[in-house]
Amino acid sequence: MPENKFETRVRPHLEQVAMFSRQGMSENAIAKQLEISPTTFRKYKQQYIELANALGSRERANIEILNAFFKRACGYISEEEVKELKEIKEDDGTSRKEMITTKIVRKDVPPDLAAVKWWLENMGQSTAESEQGQAEINDVSQARELLQERARIMTQLAEGEDEYEQSAETMGD
């Protein structure tokens, strides 16, 4: 029975294939690293879903990075749970210790103007649109107004947050 090169030369190295793909290595170069022909590599890619998935990791990584970059450019609100070790008394008189969420802290991460600039310059806008967008970003007074509006909205959110924290504290009691 002829040797199945996929089982011996590809399957054991699927994580390396994914890494090579994320690094931008061509399929022909990956095939060479695996010591199989480019034709065989393409055949295996169609035949074995795990190889196709490993090669698709580059696109997934790029999408995740773009999503994180966009989030940074727009600004976001981060939530962090504050937990404390509390002693809980049981009905039978025994007690146990348990980590209890005592409050949830919301933190405002403001938009990053460098990320906005990069996004406008690199995400498919024409040069004229990019220059116009850059001129708007460089306008300090407009940026200040936008930040003041964001601060006003954050204040409104914080007022509602106090009620939220109080209810979280009563849940821990």
Protein backbone atom coordinates (compact mmCIF):
# COMPACT_ATOMS: atom_id res chain seq x y z
CA MET A 1 0.00 0.00 0.00
CA PRO A 2 1.52 3.38 -0.98
CA GLU A 3 2.50 5.81 1.77
CA ASN A 4 -0.07 8.56 2.46
CA LYS A 5 2.07 11.69 2.53
CA PHE A 6 -0.72 13.69 4.16
CA GLU A 7 -0.59 11.50 7.28
CA THR A 8 3.20 11.51 7.49
CA ARG A 9 4.28 14.91 6.12
CA VAL A 10 1.31 17.26 6.58
CA ARG A 11 -0.96 16.26 9.49
CA PRO A 12 1.87 16.30 12.11
CA HIS A 13 2.76 19.84 10.99
CA LEU A 14 -0.66 21.53 10.73
CA GLU A 15 0.20 24.06 13.46
CA GLN A 16 3.36 25.01 11.56
CA VAL A 17 1.30 25.32 8.37
CA ALA A 18 -1.05 27.72 10.17
CA MET A 19 1.92 29.73 11.45
CA PHE A 20 3.51 29.85 7.98
CA SER A 21 0.20 30.99 6.52
CA ARG A 22 -0.21 33.77 9.13
CA GLN A 23 3.31 34.93 8.32
CA GLY A 24 2.34 35.31 4.66
CA MET A 25 4.22 32.34 3.24
CA SER A 26 2.90 31.19 -0.15
CA GLU A 27 1.30 27.76 -0.55
CA ASN A 28 4.17 26.69 -2.83
CA ALA A 29 6.70 27.66 -0.15
CA ILE A 30 4.70 25.78 2.50
CA ALA A 31 4.57 22.71 0.24
CA LYS A 32 8.36 22.90 -0.14
CA GLN A 33 8.76 23.07 3.66
CA LEU A 34 6.59 19.93 3.94
CA GLU A 35 8.60 18.23 1.19
CA ILE A 36 5.61 17.63 -1.10
CA SER A 37 4.86 18.99 -4.53
CA PRO A 38 2.66 22.09 -4.94
CA THR A 39 0.18 19.98 -6.94
CA THR A 40 -0.10 17.44 -4.12
CA PHE A 41 -0.46 20.29 -1.63
CA ARG A 42 -3.39 21.79 -3.58
CA LYS A 43 -5.00 18.34 -3.84
CA TYR A 44 -4.68 17.86 -0.07
CA LYS A 45 -6.10 21.34 0.56
CA GLN A 46 -9.27 20.31 -1.30
CA GLN A 47 -9.36 16.84 0.22
CA TYR A 48 -8.60 17.56 3.91
CA ILE A 49 -10.61 20.24 5.71
CA GLU A 50 -8.05 20.53 8.51
CA LEU A 51 -5.42 21.71 6.02
CA ALA A 52 -7.83 24.23 4.48
CA ASN A 53 -8.64 25.50 8.00
CA ALA A 54 -4.94 25.85 8.86
CA LEU A 55 -4.41 27.90 5.70
CA GLY A 56 -7.45 30.04 6.53
CA SER A 57 -5.89 31.11 9.82
CA ARG A 58 -4.20 34.07 8.08
CA GLU A 59 -7.55 35.55 7.06
CA ARG A 60 -9.02 34.97 10.53
CA ALA A 61 -5.99 36.60 12.17
CA ASN A 62 -6.21 39.59 9.83
CA ILE A 63 -9.92 40.01 10.56
CA GLU A 64 -9.32 39.84 14.33
CA ILE A 65 -6.54 42.43 14.10
CA LEU A 66 -8.64 44.77 11.95
CA ASN A 67 -11.57 44.44 14.36
CA ALA A 68 -9.33 45.25 17.34
CA PHE A 69 -7.79 48.18 15.47
CA PHE A 70 -11.22 49.54 14.54
CA LYS A 71 -12.34 49.22 18.16
CA ARG A 72 -9.25 51.17 19.27
CA ALA A 73 -9.89 53.85 16.62
CA CYS A 74 -13.49 54.32 17.77
CA GLY A 75 -12.89 54.03 21.51
CA TYR A 76 -14.79 51.66 23.73
CA ILE A 77 -15.94 50.98 27.26
CA SER A 78 -14.12 48.22 29.10
CA GLU A 79 -15.81 46.35 31.95
CA GLU A 80 -13.82 44.75 34.73
CA GLU A 81 -15.22 42.64 37.54
CA VAL A 82 -13.92 43.29 41.04
CA LYS A 83 -14.01 40.08 43.06
CA GLU A 84 -13.43 39.53 46.74
CA LEU A 85 -12.99 36.39 48.78
CA LYS A 86 -15.95 36.21 51.15
CA GLU A 87 -16.88 33.74 53.79
CA ILE A 88 -20.33 32.27 53.27
CA LYS A 89 -22.09 30.66 56.22
CA GLU A 90 -24.14 27.59 55.47
CA ASP A 91 -27.43 26.67 57.18
CA ASP A 92 -25.71 23.84 59.09
CA GLY A 93 -23.26 26.29 60.72
CA THR A 94 -20.26 25.54 58.54
CA SER A 95 -18.70 28.16 56.37
CA ARG A 96 -16.92 28.20 53.05
CA LYS A 97 -14.94 30.79 51.15
CA GLU A 98 -15.97 31.88 47.70
CA MET A 99 -14.91 34.57 45.23
CA ILE A 100 -17.85 36.96 44.85
CA THR A 101 -18.19 39.74 42.29
CA THR A 102 -18.62 42.86 44.38
CA LYS A 103 -18.81 45.42 41.62
CA ILE A 104 -18.30 45.97 37.94
CA VAL A 105 -16.07 48.87 36.96
CA ARG A 106 -16.52 50.51 33.59
CA LYS A 107 -13.53 52.27 32.09
CA ASP A 108 -13.66 54.59 29.10
CA VAL A 109 -10.92 53.98 26.55
CA PRO A 110 -11.01 57.08 24.33
CA PRO A 111 -10.54 56.92 20.56
CA ASP A 112 -6.93 56.75 19.47
CA LEU A 113 -6.33 59.45 16.85
CA ALA A 114 -3.28 57.64 15.44
CA ALA A 115 -5.47 54.56 14.87
CA VAL A 116 -8.12 56.75 13.19
CA LYS A 117 -5.46 58.26 10.92
CA TRP A 118 -4.12 54.84 9.97
CA TRP A 119 -7.63 53.52 9.33
CA LEU A 120 -8.50 56.42 7.05
CA GLU A 121 -5.23 56.14 5.14
CA ASN A 122 -5.21 52.36 4.71
CA MET A 123 -8.75 51.07 4.53
CA GLY A 124 -9.65 51.87 0.94
CA GLN A 125 -10.52 55.56 0.95
CA SER A 126 -9.41 57.63 -1.99
CA THR A 127 -6.54 60.05 -1.41
CA ALA A 128 -8.88 63.05 -1.47
CA GLU A 129 -11.18 61.49 1.12
CA SER A 130 -8.20 60.52 3.27
CA GLU A 131 -6.72 64.03 3.11
CA GLN A 132 -10.10 65.52 4.02
CA GLY A 133 -10.44 63.08 6.91
CA GLN A 134 -6.92 63.87 8.10
CA ALA A 135 -7.62 67.62 7.96
CA GLU A 136 -10.71 67.05 10.12
CA ILE A 137 -8.74 65.00 12.64
CA ASN A 138 -5.99 67.63 12.83
CA ASP A 139 -8.55 70.29 13.66
CA VAL A 140 -7.91 70.51 17.39
CA SER A 141 -11.07 72.40 18.21
CA GLN A 142 -13.24 69.81 16.49
CA ALA A 143 -11.44 66.98 18.29
CA ARG A 144 -11.93 68.81 21.59
CA GLU A 145 -15.67 69.16 20.87
CA LEU A 146 -15.96 65.47 20.09
CA LEU A 147 -14.18 64.55 23.32
CA GLN A 148 -16.41 66.92 25.32
CA GLU A 149 -19.50 65.29 23.80
CA ARG A 150 -18.10 61.86 24.65
CA ALA A 151 -17.44 63.00 28.23
CA ARG A 152 -21.05 64.22 28.51
CA ILE A 153 -22.32 60.83 27.34
CA MET A 154 -19.96 59.02 29.75
CA THR A 155 -21.30 61.13 32.63
CA GLN A 156 -24.84 60.10 31.74
CA LEU A 157 -23.75 56.46 31.63
CA ALA A 158 -21.96 56.79 34.98
CA GLU A 159 -25.13 58.05 36.62
CA GLY A 160 -26.87 54.85 35.57
CA GLU A 161 -23.79 52.84 36.60
CA ASP A 162 -24.13 53.86 40.26
CA GLU A 163 -27.47 52.08 40.40
CA TYR A 164 -25.90 49.06 38.66
CA GLU A 165 -23.01 48.88 41.19
CA GLN A 166 -25.40 49.15 44.12
CA SER A 167 -27.44 46.22 42.84
CA ALA A 168 -24.21 44.18 42.35
CA GLU A 169 -23.18 44.93 45.93
CA THR A 170 -26.52 43.80 47.32
CA MET A 171 -26.20 40.56 45.32
CA GLY A 172 -22.94 39.78 47.15
CA ASP A 173 -24.50 40.23 50.61
